């Protein structure tokens, strides 16, 4: 199963990605701003979601809002 970002690049475990849109995260008062770099992503069983750590929280992001760094 290939996991691709918004530009069509293939993502792997441990890659770094950038957020392409401001994202309001459910359950958190924090908003992820466009251009924020996220390191060490983990792939999930779904081809359109990745798991990552923001601060002390584990969150799942859709790949349509990410681009490979």
Protein backbone atom coordinates (compact mmCIF):
# COMPACT_ATOMS: atom_id res chain seq x y z
CA UNK A 1 0.00 0.00 0.00
CA UNK A 2 1.45 3.38 -1.04
CA UNK A 3 0.73 6.40 1.11
CA UNK A 4 0.98 9.64 -0.88
CA UNK A 5 0.98 13.29 0.16
CA UNK A 6 -0.99 16.07 -1.52
CA UNK A 7 1.59 16.36 -4.33
CA UNK A 8 1.73 12.62 -5.04
CA UNK A 9 5.06 11.91 -3.33
CA UNK A 10 5.27 8.58 -1.50
CA UNK A 11 5.55 8.85 2.30
CA UNK A 12 7.49 6.41 4.50
CA UNK A 13 7.81 5.87 8.25
CA UNK A 14 10.05 8.50 9.83
CA UNK A 15 9.61 11.12 7.08
CA UNK A 16 9.18 14.81 7.77
CA UNK A 17 6.18 16.66 6.35
CA UNK A 18 4.83 20.22 6.16
CA UNK A 19 1.21 21.23 6.78
CA UNK A 20 -0.35 22.90 3.70
CA UNK A 21 -3.40 24.43 5.42
CA UNK A 22 -4.29 25.80 8.87
CA UNK A 23 -5.86 22.91 10.76
CA UNK A 24 -8.08 23.14 13.84
CA UNK A 25 -7.45 20.02 15.93
CA UNK A 26 -10.40 18.50 17.77
CA UNK A 27 -9.97 18.41 21.52
CA UNK A 28 -7.06 20.86 21.54
CA UNK A 29 -7.00 24.62 21.84
CA UNK A 30 -4.01 24.72 19.49
CA UNK A 31 -4.27 25.29 15.73
CA UNK A 32 -1.64 23.87 13.39
CA UNK A 33 -0.49 26.73 11.17
CA UNK A 34 0.38 26.33 7.51
CA UNK A 35 4.06 25.50 6.97
CA UNK A 36 4.64 23.79 10.33
CA UNK A 37 7.13 20.93 9.99
CA UNK A 38 6.21 17.59 11.56
CA UNK A 39 8.99 15.02 11.96
CA UNK A 40 8.93 11.24 12.35
CA UNK A 41 5.48 10.39 11.01
CA UNK A 42 4.14 6.85 11.28
CA UNK A 43 1.98 5.16 8.68
CA UNK A 44 -1.37 3.67 9.68
CA UNK A 45 -3.49 0.91 8.15
CA UNK A 46 -5.31 3.54 6.09
CA UNK A 47 -3.67 4.91 2.95
CA UNK A 48 -4.96 8.45 3.57
CA UNK A 49 -3.91 8.94 7.21
CA UNK A 50 -0.63 9.25 9.13
CA UNK A 51 0.05 9.35 12.84
CA UNK A 52 2.32 11.95 14.39
CA UNK A 53 3.22 13.61 17.67
CA UNK A 54 2.40 17.27 18.32
CA UNK A 55 3.82 18.32 21.67
CA UNK A 56 2.83 15.48 24.02
CA UNK A 57 -0.23 14.42 22.00
CA UNK A 58 -0.51 11.68 19.39
CA UNK A 59 -2.77 12.77 16.52
CA UNK A 60 -3.83 11.37 13.15
CA UNK A 61 -3.69 13.66 10.12
CA UNK A 62 -5.08 13.23 6.62
CA UNK A 63 -2.42 13.10 3.93
CA UNK A 64 -4.32 15.56 1.71
CA UNK A 65 -3.16 18.36 4.07
CA UNK A 66 0.52 17.32 4.10
CA UNK A 67 3.47 17.61 1.73
CA UNK A 68 6.81 15.87 2.03
CA UNK A 69 9.62 18.05 3.40
